[in-house]
N, C-alpha and C. Protein backbone atom coordinates (compact mmCIF):
# COMPACT_ATOMS: atom_id res chain seq x y z
N MET A 1 96.33 -91.23 -7.37
CA MET A 1 96.18 -92.40 -8.19
C MET A 1 97.36 -92.50 -9.15
N TYR A 2 97.81 -93.70 -9.37
CA TYR A 2 98.96 -93.94 -10.23
C TYR A 2 98.52 -94.55 -11.54
N PHE A 3 99.34 -94.28 -12.55
CA PHE A 3 99.19 -94.96 -13.83
C PHE A 3 100.58 -95.35 -14.27
N ALA A 4 100.73 -96.60 -14.68
CA ALA A 4 102.02 -97.07 -15.18
C ALA A 4 101.78 -97.90 -16.44
N ALA A 5 102.59 -97.65 -17.44
CA ALA A 5 102.46 -98.39 -18.70
C ALA A 5 103.83 -98.63 -19.30
N LEU A 6 103.90 -99.67 -20.09
CA LEU A 6 105.11 -99.97 -20.86
C LEU A 6 104.82 -99.63 -22.31
N LEU A 7 105.74 -98.94 -22.95
CA LEU A 7 105.67 -98.68 -24.39
C LEU A 7 106.90 -99.34 -25.01
N ALA A 8 106.66 -100.33 -25.85
CA ALA A 8 107.76 -101.04 -26.50
C ALA A 8 107.76 -100.66 -27.98
N ARG A 9 108.92 -100.23 -28.46
CA ARG A 9 109.04 -99.86 -29.87
C ARG A 9 109.34 -101.13 -30.67
N THR A 10 108.54 -101.36 -31.70
CA THR A 10 108.70 -102.53 -32.55
C THR A 10 108.83 -102.07 -34.00
N GLU A 11 109.00 -103.03 -34.90
CA GLU A 11 109.05 -102.71 -36.33
C GLU A 11 107.77 -102.04 -36.80
N ASP A 12 106.66 -102.40 -36.16
CA ASP A 12 105.34 -101.90 -36.57
C ASP A 12 104.90 -100.66 -35.80
N GLY A 13 105.77 -100.08 -35.00
CA GLY A 13 105.42 -98.90 -34.20
C GLY A 13 105.46 -99.25 -32.71
N TRP A 14 104.75 -98.48 -31.93
CA TRP A 14 104.74 -98.66 -30.48
C TRP A 14 103.64 -99.62 -30.07
N GLU A 15 103.96 -100.47 -29.09
CA GLU A 15 102.97 -101.34 -28.47
C GLU A 15 102.92 -100.96 -27.00
N ALA A 16 101.70 -100.84 -26.48
CA ALA A 16 101.54 -100.45 -25.08
C ALA A 16 100.95 -101.60 -24.28
N SER A 17 101.35 -101.66 -23.02
CA SER A 17 100.73 -102.60 -22.10
C SER A 17 100.68 -101.97 -20.72
N ASP A 18 99.57 -102.22 -20.07
CA ASP A 18 99.40 -101.77 -18.69
C ASP A 18 100.35 -102.61 -17.85
N THR A 19 100.91 -102.03 -16.84
CA THR A 19 101.84 -102.80 -16.02
C THR A 19 101.51 -102.63 -14.55
N GLU A 20 101.65 -103.71 -13.83
CA GLU A 20 101.41 -103.72 -12.39
C GLU A 20 102.76 -103.66 -11.70
N LEU A 21 102.94 -102.70 -10.82
CA LEU A 21 104.24 -102.50 -10.17
C LEU A 21 104.28 -103.01 -8.73
N ASP A 22 103.23 -103.71 -8.30
CA ASP A 22 103.18 -104.16 -6.91
C ASP A 22 104.32 -105.11 -6.55
N ASP A 23 104.78 -105.92 -7.51
CA ASP A 23 105.86 -106.88 -7.23
C ASP A 23 107.24 -106.33 -7.56
N VAL A 24 107.31 -105.10 -8.04
CA VAL A 24 108.58 -104.48 -8.40
C VAL A 24 109.13 -103.74 -7.18
N GLU A 25 110.35 -104.11 -6.79
CA GLU A 25 110.94 -103.50 -5.60
C GLU A 25 112.14 -102.62 -5.90
N THR A 26 112.79 -102.86 -7.05
CA THR A 26 114.00 -102.12 -7.37
C THR A 26 113.97 -101.67 -8.83
N LEU A 27 114.87 -100.77 -9.16
CA LEU A 27 115.00 -100.34 -10.55
C LEU A 27 115.41 -101.52 -11.42
N SER A 28 116.21 -102.41 -10.91
CA SER A 28 116.62 -103.60 -11.64
C SER A 28 115.42 -104.48 -11.97
N ASP A 29 114.51 -104.65 -11.01
CA ASP A 29 113.28 -105.41 -11.26
C ASP A 29 112.46 -104.75 -12.36
N LEU A 30 112.38 -103.43 -12.32
CA LEU A 30 111.62 -102.69 -13.32
C LEU A 30 112.25 -102.83 -14.70
N ALA A 31 113.57 -102.78 -14.76
CA ALA A 31 114.27 -102.96 -16.04
C ALA A 31 114.03 -104.36 -16.59
N ASP A 32 114.04 -105.37 -15.73
CA ASP A 32 113.76 -106.74 -16.17
C ASP A 32 112.35 -106.86 -16.72
N LEU A 33 111.39 -106.23 -16.05
CA LEU A 33 110.01 -106.22 -16.52
C LEU A 33 109.91 -105.58 -17.91
N ALA A 34 110.64 -104.49 -18.11
CA ALA A 34 110.64 -103.81 -19.40
C ALA A 34 111.28 -104.70 -20.47
N ARG A 35 112.36 -105.36 -20.14
CA ARG A 35 113.03 -106.23 -21.12
C ARG A 35 112.13 -107.38 -21.56
N GLU A 36 111.30 -107.88 -20.65
CA GLU A 36 110.36 -108.95 -20.99
C GLU A 36 109.34 -108.50 -22.02
N ALA A 37 109.06 -107.21 -22.07
CA ALA A 37 108.07 -106.67 -23.01
C ALA A 37 108.60 -106.61 -24.44
N SER A 38 109.90 -106.75 -24.62
CA SER A 38 110.50 -106.65 -25.94
C SER A 38 111.58 -107.72 -26.12
N PRO A 39 111.19 -108.87 -26.63
CA PRO A 39 112.17 -109.94 -26.80
C PRO A 39 113.26 -109.62 -27.82
N ASP A 40 113.04 -108.63 -28.68
CA ASP A 40 114.02 -108.26 -29.70
C ASP A 40 114.99 -107.19 -29.22
N GLU A 41 114.99 -106.90 -27.94
CA GLU A 41 115.87 -105.89 -27.34
C GLU A 41 115.67 -104.50 -27.92
N ASP A 42 114.43 -104.22 -28.31
CA ASP A 42 114.10 -102.87 -28.78
C ASP A 42 113.96 -101.95 -27.58
N THR A 43 113.80 -100.67 -27.86
CA THR A 43 113.60 -99.67 -26.81
C THR A 43 112.26 -99.89 -26.12
N VAL A 44 112.30 -99.88 -24.80
CA VAL A 44 111.09 -99.97 -24.00
C VAL A 44 111.09 -98.80 -23.02
N LEU A 45 109.96 -98.12 -22.95
CA LEU A 45 109.78 -97.02 -22.00
C LEU A 45 108.79 -97.45 -20.93
N VAL A 46 109.13 -97.20 -19.69
CA VAL A 46 108.19 -97.38 -18.60
C VAL A 46 107.78 -95.97 -18.20
N LEU A 47 106.50 -95.69 -18.29
CA LEU A 47 105.97 -94.37 -17.95
C LEU A 47 105.14 -94.51 -16.68
N ILE A 48 105.47 -93.74 -15.68
CA ILE A 48 104.77 -93.77 -14.40
C ILE A 48 104.32 -92.36 -14.09
N GLU A 49 103.07 -92.24 -13.64
CA GLU A 49 102.53 -90.91 -13.35
C GLU A 49 101.65 -90.98 -12.11
N GLN A 50 101.82 -90.01 -11.24
CA GLN A 50 100.90 -89.84 -10.12
C GLN A 50 100.13 -88.57 -10.38
N ASP A 51 98.83 -88.65 -10.28
CA ASP A 51 97.94 -87.50 -10.56
C ASP A 51 98.58 -86.16 -10.28
N ASP A 52 99.07 -85.51 -11.29
CA ASP A 52 99.60 -84.15 -11.23
C ASP A 52 100.68 -83.93 -10.16
N GLY A 53 101.19 -85.00 -9.55
CA GLY A 53 102.24 -84.84 -8.54
C GLY A 53 103.63 -84.97 -9.13
N TRP A 54 103.82 -86.00 -9.92
CA TRP A 54 105.12 -86.24 -10.53
C TRP A 54 104.95 -87.30 -11.62
N PHE A 55 105.95 -87.40 -12.47
CA PHE A 55 105.98 -88.49 -13.44
C PHE A 55 107.43 -88.95 -13.60
N GLY A 56 107.56 -90.18 -14.05
CA GLY A 56 108.88 -90.73 -14.27
C GLY A 56 108.93 -91.50 -15.58
N VAL A 57 110.10 -91.49 -16.20
CA VAL A 57 110.34 -92.23 -17.43
C VAL A 57 111.57 -93.10 -17.20
N VAL A 58 111.44 -94.37 -17.48
CA VAL A 58 112.57 -95.28 -17.45
C VAL A 58 112.73 -95.82 -18.86
N ARG A 59 113.92 -95.71 -19.39
CA ARG A 59 114.19 -96.19 -20.75
C ARG A 59 115.16 -97.35 -20.67
N VAL A 60 114.76 -98.45 -21.31
CA VAL A 60 115.61 -99.64 -21.36
C VAL A 60 115.85 -99.96 -22.83
N ASP A 61 117.12 -99.95 -23.21
CA ASP A 61 117.54 -100.30 -24.57
C ASP A 61 118.36 -101.59 -24.48
N GLY A 62 117.70 -102.72 -24.73
CA GLY A 62 118.40 -104.01 -24.67
C GLY A 62 118.96 -104.27 -23.29
N GLU A 63 120.22 -104.66 -23.26
CA GLU A 63 120.86 -105.00 -21.99
C GLU A 63 121.58 -103.82 -21.34
N GLU A 64 121.48 -102.64 -21.94
CA GLU A 64 122.12 -101.46 -21.34
C GLU A 64 121.45 -101.12 -20.01
N ASP A 65 122.18 -100.39 -19.17
CA ASP A 65 121.61 -99.94 -17.91
C ASP A 65 120.42 -99.03 -18.21
N PRO A 66 119.38 -99.11 -17.38
CA PRO A 66 118.23 -98.24 -17.60
C PRO A 66 118.59 -96.78 -17.37
N ARG A 67 117.97 -95.92 -18.14
CA ARG A 67 118.11 -94.47 -17.97
C ARG A 67 116.81 -93.97 -17.33
N VAL A 68 116.92 -93.01 -16.43
CA VAL A 68 115.77 -92.58 -15.64
C VAL A 68 115.65 -91.06 -15.63
N TYR A 69 114.41 -90.60 -15.69
CA TYR A 69 114.10 -89.18 -15.48
C TYR A 69 112.89 -89.13 -14.56
N VAL A 70 112.96 -88.28 -13.53
CA VAL A 70 111.85 -88.07 -12.60
C VAL A 70 111.59 -86.57 -12.55
N SER A 71 110.33 -86.19 -12.74
CA SER A 71 109.98 -84.77 -12.84
C SER A 71 110.11 -84.01 -11.52
N ASP A 72 109.85 -84.67 -10.40
CA ASP A 72 109.95 -84.02 -9.09
C ASP A 72 110.39 -85.06 -8.07
N ALA A 73 111.67 -85.06 -7.77
CA ALA A 73 112.23 -86.09 -6.89
C ALA A 73 111.61 -86.05 -5.50
N ALA A 74 111.39 -84.87 -4.95
CA ALA A 74 110.84 -84.77 -3.60
C ALA A 74 109.44 -85.36 -3.54
N ALA A 75 108.62 -85.10 -4.53
CA ALA A 75 107.27 -85.66 -4.57
C ALA A 75 107.34 -87.17 -4.78
N ALA A 76 108.22 -87.63 -5.65
CA ALA A 76 108.35 -89.06 -5.92
C ALA A 76 108.87 -89.81 -4.70
N ALA A 77 109.69 -89.17 -3.88
CA ALA A 77 110.25 -89.82 -2.70
C ALA A 77 109.17 -90.19 -1.69
N ARG A 78 108.03 -89.53 -1.76
CA ARG A 78 106.93 -89.83 -0.86
C ARG A 78 106.03 -90.93 -1.41
N SER A 79 106.43 -91.55 -2.49
CA SER A 79 105.64 -92.56 -3.17
C SER A 79 106.43 -93.86 -3.23
N SER A 80 105.76 -94.97 -3.00
CA SER A 80 106.46 -96.26 -3.08
C SER A 80 106.96 -96.52 -4.50
N TYR A 81 106.22 -96.09 -5.51
CA TYR A 81 106.68 -96.27 -6.89
C TYR A 81 107.82 -95.32 -7.20
N GLY A 82 107.76 -94.13 -6.68
CA GLY A 82 108.84 -93.17 -6.89
C GLY A 82 110.14 -93.64 -6.27
N GLU A 83 110.04 -94.27 -5.11
CA GLU A 83 111.25 -94.75 -4.43
C GLU A 83 111.99 -95.79 -5.28
N ILE A 84 111.27 -96.51 -6.12
CA ILE A 84 111.91 -97.48 -7.01
C ILE A 84 112.87 -96.77 -7.96
N LEU A 85 112.48 -95.61 -8.43
CA LEU A 85 113.26 -94.87 -9.43
C LEU A 85 114.40 -94.07 -8.82
N LEU A 86 114.24 -93.64 -7.58
CA LEU A 86 115.21 -92.74 -6.95
C LEU A 86 116.35 -93.53 -6.31
N THR A 87 117.23 -94.00 -7.15
CA THR A 87 118.39 -94.75 -6.68
C THR A 87 119.43 -93.79 -6.10
N ASP A 88 120.35 -94.34 -5.33
CA ASP A 88 121.44 -93.53 -4.79
C ASP A 88 122.20 -92.85 -5.91
N GLU A 89 122.47 -93.59 -6.98
CA GLU A 89 123.21 -93.04 -8.12
C GLU A 89 122.47 -91.84 -8.73
N LEU A 90 121.17 -91.97 -8.91
CA LEU A 90 120.39 -90.89 -9.50
C LEU A 90 120.41 -89.64 -8.61
N LEU A 91 120.43 -89.85 -7.30
CA LEU A 91 120.40 -88.74 -6.36
C LEU A 91 121.80 -88.24 -5.99
N GLY A 92 122.83 -88.88 -6.54
CA GLY A 92 124.19 -88.44 -6.28
C GLY A 92 124.69 -88.80 -4.89
N ARG A 93 124.15 -89.88 -4.33
CA ARG A 93 124.57 -90.32 -2.99
C ARG A 93 125.42 -91.57 -3.11
N GLU A 94 126.23 -91.79 -2.11
CA GLU A 94 126.99 -93.03 -2.03
C GLU A 94 126.03 -94.14 -1.63
N PRO A 95 126.16 -95.33 -2.22
CA PRO A 95 125.30 -96.45 -1.84
C PRO A 95 125.40 -96.72 -0.34
N GLY A 96 124.25 -96.95 0.27
CA GLY A 96 124.23 -97.23 1.70
C GLY A 96 124.32 -96.00 2.56
N ASP A 97 124.31 -94.82 1.97
CA ASP A 97 124.43 -93.57 2.72
C ASP A 97 123.05 -93.09 3.16
N ASP A 98 122.24 -94.03 3.68
CA ASP A 98 120.90 -93.65 4.05
C ASP A 98 120.69 -93.59 5.56
N GLY A 99 121.76 -93.69 6.31
CA GLY A 99 121.65 -93.54 7.76
C GLY A 99 121.76 -92.08 8.15
N ALA A 100 121.14 -91.72 9.24
CA ALA A 100 121.18 -90.33 9.69
C ALA A 100 122.53 -90.01 10.31
N ASP A 101 123.03 -88.84 10.05
CA ASP A 101 124.25 -88.35 10.67
C ASP A 101 123.84 -87.69 11.99
N LEU A 102 124.03 -88.41 13.09
CA LEU A 102 123.53 -87.92 14.37
C LEU A 102 124.17 -86.61 14.79
N ASP A 103 125.40 -86.34 14.37
CA ASP A 103 126.04 -85.08 14.73
C ASP A 103 125.35 -83.89 14.06
N ALA A 104 124.73 -84.14 12.90
CA ALA A 104 124.09 -83.06 12.18
C ALA A 104 122.67 -82.79 12.68
N LEU A 105 122.13 -83.71 13.47
CA LEU A 105 120.76 -83.54 13.96
C LEU A 105 120.73 -82.58 15.14
N ASP A 106 119.67 -81.81 15.22
CA ASP A 106 119.45 -80.92 16.35
C ASP A 106 118.56 -81.65 17.34
N LEU A 107 119.18 -82.38 18.24
CA LEU A 107 118.42 -83.16 19.20
C LEU A 107 118.04 -82.25 20.37
N ASP A 108 116.86 -81.62 20.24
CA ASP A 108 116.46 -80.62 21.21
C ASP A 108 115.45 -81.13 22.23
N GLY A 109 115.19 -82.43 22.23
CA GLY A 109 114.29 -82.96 23.24
C GLY A 109 112.85 -83.08 22.78
N THR A 110 112.52 -82.63 21.58
CA THR A 110 111.15 -82.82 21.14
C THR A 110 110.95 -84.31 20.86
N GLU A 111 109.73 -84.77 21.12
CA GLU A 111 109.47 -86.20 21.00
C GLU A 111 108.81 -86.53 19.68
N ASP A 112 108.90 -87.80 19.32
CA ASP A 112 108.24 -88.34 18.13
C ASP A 112 108.65 -87.64 16.85
N GLY A 113 109.81 -87.02 16.84
CA GLY A 113 110.30 -86.39 15.63
C GLY A 113 109.57 -85.12 15.26
N GLU A 114 108.75 -84.59 16.15
CA GLU A 114 108.01 -83.37 15.85
C GLU A 114 108.88 -82.17 16.17
N PRO A 115 109.06 -81.25 15.23
CA PRO A 115 109.86 -80.07 15.53
C PRO A 115 109.09 -79.13 16.44
N ASP A 116 109.83 -78.40 17.29
CA ASP A 116 109.12 -77.41 18.08
C ASP A 116 108.80 -76.23 17.17
N ASP A 117 107.90 -75.35 17.58
CA ASP A 117 107.40 -74.28 16.72
C ASP A 117 108.49 -73.36 16.19
N GLU A 118 109.51 -73.07 17.00
CA GLU A 118 110.55 -72.15 16.56
C GLU A 118 111.39 -72.73 15.44
N ASP A 119 111.65 -74.04 15.50
CA ASP A 119 112.57 -74.66 14.58
C ASP A 119 111.90 -75.35 13.39
N ALA A 120 110.60 -75.24 13.26
CA ALA A 120 109.89 -75.95 12.20
C ALA A 120 110.50 -75.62 10.84
N GLY A 121 110.97 -76.64 10.18
CA GLY A 121 111.52 -76.47 8.83
C GLY A 121 112.93 -75.95 8.77
N ASP A 122 113.56 -75.63 9.92
CA ASP A 122 114.90 -75.06 9.88
C ASP A 122 116.01 -76.09 10.04
N GLY A 123 115.66 -77.30 10.45
CA GLY A 123 116.68 -78.31 10.73
C GLY A 123 117.30 -78.85 9.45
N PRO A 124 118.44 -79.53 9.58
CA PRO A 124 119.10 -80.10 8.41
C PRO A 124 118.32 -81.28 7.87
N ALA A 125 118.48 -81.55 6.59
CA ALA A 125 117.85 -82.72 6.00
C ALA A 125 118.60 -83.95 6.45
N VAL A 126 117.87 -84.98 6.83
CA VAL A 126 118.46 -86.23 7.25
C VAL A 126 118.69 -87.08 6.01
N ALA A 127 119.91 -87.56 5.84
CA ALA A 127 120.20 -88.39 4.68
C ALA A 127 119.27 -89.58 4.67
N GLY A 128 118.71 -89.89 3.51
CA GLY A 128 117.81 -91.02 3.38
C GLY A 128 116.37 -90.65 3.62
N SER A 129 116.09 -89.47 4.11
CA SER A 129 114.71 -89.05 4.30
C SER A 129 114.25 -88.32 3.06
N ALA A 130 112.93 -88.12 2.97
CA ALA A 130 112.39 -87.40 1.82
C ALA A 130 112.93 -85.98 1.77
N ASP A 131 113.33 -85.44 2.94
CA ASP A 131 113.85 -84.08 2.98
C ASP A 131 115.22 -83.95 2.31
N SER A 132 115.96 -85.06 2.22
CA SER A 132 117.29 -85.00 1.61
C SER A 132 117.23 -85.14 0.10
N VAL A 133 116.05 -85.35 -0.44
CA VAL A 133 115.87 -85.50 -1.87
C VAL A 133 115.59 -84.12 -2.46
N PRO A 134 116.28 -83.77 -3.53
CA PRO A 134 116.08 -82.43 -4.10
C PRO A 134 114.68 -82.24 -4.67
N ARG A 135 114.21 -81.03 -4.57
CA ARG A 135 112.94 -80.68 -5.22
C ARG A 135 113.23 -80.47 -6.70
N GLY A 136 112.30 -80.83 -7.52
CA GLY A 136 112.47 -80.63 -8.94
C GLY A 136 112.98 -81.89 -9.64
N PRO A 137 113.29 -81.75 -10.92
CA PRO A 137 113.66 -82.91 -11.73
C PRO A 137 115.05 -83.45 -11.42
N VAL A 138 115.18 -84.77 -11.58
CA VAL A 138 116.47 -85.44 -11.49
C VAL A 138 116.56 -86.47 -12.60
N GLY A 139 117.76 -86.81 -12.95
CA GLY A 139 117.96 -87.86 -13.95
C GLY A 139 118.32 -87.29 -15.30
N ASP A 140 118.15 -88.11 -16.31
CA ASP A 140 118.54 -87.82 -17.68
C ASP A 140 117.41 -87.13 -18.44
N ALA A 141 117.43 -85.83 -18.48
CA ALA A 141 116.37 -85.07 -19.16
C ALA A 141 116.45 -85.21 -20.68
N ARG A 142 117.52 -85.79 -21.17
CA ARG A 142 117.67 -86.00 -22.62
C ARG A 142 117.28 -87.43 -23.00
N ILE A 143 116.62 -88.11 -22.10
CA ILE A 143 116.27 -89.51 -22.24
C ILE A 143 115.43 -89.81 -23.50
N LEU A 144 114.64 -88.85 -23.93
CA LEU A 144 113.74 -89.05 -25.07
C LEU A 144 114.08 -88.19 -26.28
N GLU A 145 115.22 -87.51 -26.24
CA GLU A 145 115.57 -86.57 -27.30
C GLU A 145 115.61 -87.22 -28.68
N ASP A 146 116.20 -88.39 -28.78
CA ASP A 146 116.28 -89.05 -30.09
C ASP A 146 114.92 -89.57 -30.56
N LEU A 147 113.93 -89.54 -29.67
CA LEU A 147 112.58 -89.97 -30.03
C LEU A 147 111.64 -88.79 -30.28
N GLY A 148 112.18 -87.57 -30.19
CA GLY A 148 111.39 -86.39 -30.52
C GLY A 148 110.96 -85.52 -29.35
N VAL A 149 111.30 -85.90 -28.12
CA VAL A 149 110.94 -85.10 -26.96
C VAL A 149 112.22 -84.42 -26.46
N ALA A 150 112.34 -83.13 -26.75
CA ALA A 150 113.53 -82.38 -26.36
C ALA A 150 113.59 -82.20 -24.84
N GLU A 151 114.80 -81.99 -24.34
CA GLU A 151 115.03 -81.80 -22.91
C GLU A 151 114.14 -80.69 -22.35
N LYS A 152 114.10 -79.56 -23.03
CA LYS A 152 113.31 -78.43 -22.56
C LYS A 152 111.83 -78.79 -22.49
N GLU A 153 111.36 -79.50 -23.48
CA GLU A 153 109.95 -79.91 -23.52
C GLU A 153 109.64 -80.88 -22.37
N LEU A 154 110.52 -81.84 -22.13
CA LEU A 154 110.31 -82.81 -21.06
C LEU A 154 110.27 -82.11 -19.71
N ARG A 155 111.21 -81.20 -19.49
CA ARG A 155 111.26 -80.47 -18.21
C ARG A 155 110.04 -79.58 -17.98
N SER A 156 109.40 -79.14 -19.05
CA SER A 156 108.25 -78.26 -18.90
C SER A 156 106.92 -79.01 -18.73
N MET A 157 106.94 -80.31 -18.92
CA MET A 157 105.71 -81.09 -18.79
C MET A 157 105.31 -81.20 -17.34
N THR A 158 104.02 -81.04 -17.11
CA THR A 158 103.50 -81.19 -15.74
C THR A 158 102.26 -82.08 -15.78
N GLU A 159 101.11 -81.49 -15.99
CA GLU A 159 99.87 -82.25 -15.98
C GLU A 159 99.78 -83.18 -17.19
N ASP A 160 99.38 -84.41 -16.94
CA ASP A 160 99.18 -85.42 -17.98
C ASP A 160 100.40 -85.58 -18.88
N ALA A 161 101.55 -85.63 -18.26
CA ALA A 161 102.81 -85.73 -19.00
C ALA A 161 102.91 -87.03 -19.79
N VAL A 162 102.40 -88.12 -19.24
CA VAL A 162 102.48 -89.40 -19.92
C VAL A 162 101.76 -89.32 -21.26
N SER A 163 100.59 -88.72 -21.29
CA SER A 163 99.85 -88.57 -22.56
C SER A 163 100.61 -87.64 -23.51
N GLY A 164 101.20 -86.59 -22.98
CA GLY A 164 102.00 -85.67 -23.81
C GLY A 164 103.19 -86.36 -24.45
N ILE A 165 103.87 -87.19 -23.68
CA ILE A 165 105.00 -87.94 -24.22
C ILE A 165 104.53 -88.90 -25.30
N ALA A 166 103.46 -89.63 -25.01
CA ALA A 166 102.94 -90.59 -25.99
C ALA A 166 102.51 -89.90 -27.27
N GLU A 167 101.96 -88.71 -27.15
CA GLU A 167 101.53 -87.97 -28.34
C GLU A 167 102.73 -87.62 -29.23
N VAL A 168 103.80 -87.13 -28.62
CA VAL A 168 104.99 -86.79 -29.39
C VAL A 168 105.58 -88.04 -30.05
N LEU A 169 105.52 -89.18 -29.36
CA LEU A 169 106.07 -90.42 -29.88
C LEU A 169 105.19 -91.04 -30.96
N GLY A 170 103.96 -90.54 -31.08
CA GLY A 170 103.02 -91.14 -32.01
C GLY A 170 102.39 -92.40 -31.43
N ALA A 171 102.33 -92.47 -30.12
CA ALA A 171 101.82 -93.68 -29.44
C ALA A 171 100.59 -93.39 -28.58
N SER A 172 99.95 -92.26 -28.79
CA SER A 172 98.84 -91.90 -27.91
C SER A 172 97.66 -92.85 -28.05
N GLU A 173 97.38 -93.33 -29.25
CA GLU A 173 96.26 -94.24 -29.43
C GLU A 173 96.50 -95.56 -28.71
N VAL A 174 97.69 -96.12 -28.85
CA VAL A 174 97.97 -97.39 -28.18
C VAL A 174 98.02 -97.23 -26.67
N LEU A 175 98.48 -96.07 -26.20
CA LEU A 175 98.51 -95.82 -24.77
C LEU A 175 97.08 -95.73 -24.21
N GLU A 176 96.20 -95.09 -24.92
CA GLU A 176 94.81 -94.96 -24.47
C GLU A 176 94.11 -96.31 -24.34
N THR A 177 94.55 -97.31 -25.11
CA THR A 177 93.92 -98.62 -25.01
C THR A 177 94.21 -99.29 -23.69
N VAL A 178 95.29 -98.91 -23.01
CA VAL A 178 95.61 -99.51 -21.72
C VAL A 178 95.31 -98.60 -20.53
N ARG A 179 94.92 -97.38 -20.81
CA ARG A 179 94.65 -96.42 -19.73
C ARG A 179 93.36 -96.73 -19.04
């Protein structure tokens, strides 16, 4: 199960709103959605969490490019919402480098992409597949440092990270109203 919320920083503190990501297809769409939540170009955080699997933070400050942190890229790659966050730039790939390199594949005659028993898990990762995405965190781990969440603290968050972040920001009450 997923939870996604927008936290917009205002003069009066944080304002939270539940957000629907069904119509969001790209990081740019998500950044536009965040900007709509704050007409004064204040900081807006998009917090996305999948039950104990992974979480992501997108920070939008006015018209600047969004900054992104994902706690587990490999887990997020298996999620339609995670795929929104895992841009080529974030993963260190060249844009459009999502085709398979056929020379690197071990085409041993197994059908339907099923590995034979001897080679299970030993083949190379295919670019653009979930296997080519690194396990563990990716992105800007210092994304919330100026707001009180240190890099080390962010990297150590696992279960219920969104609530933990909101607590440090002083926004846990407003977040709970949309949960």
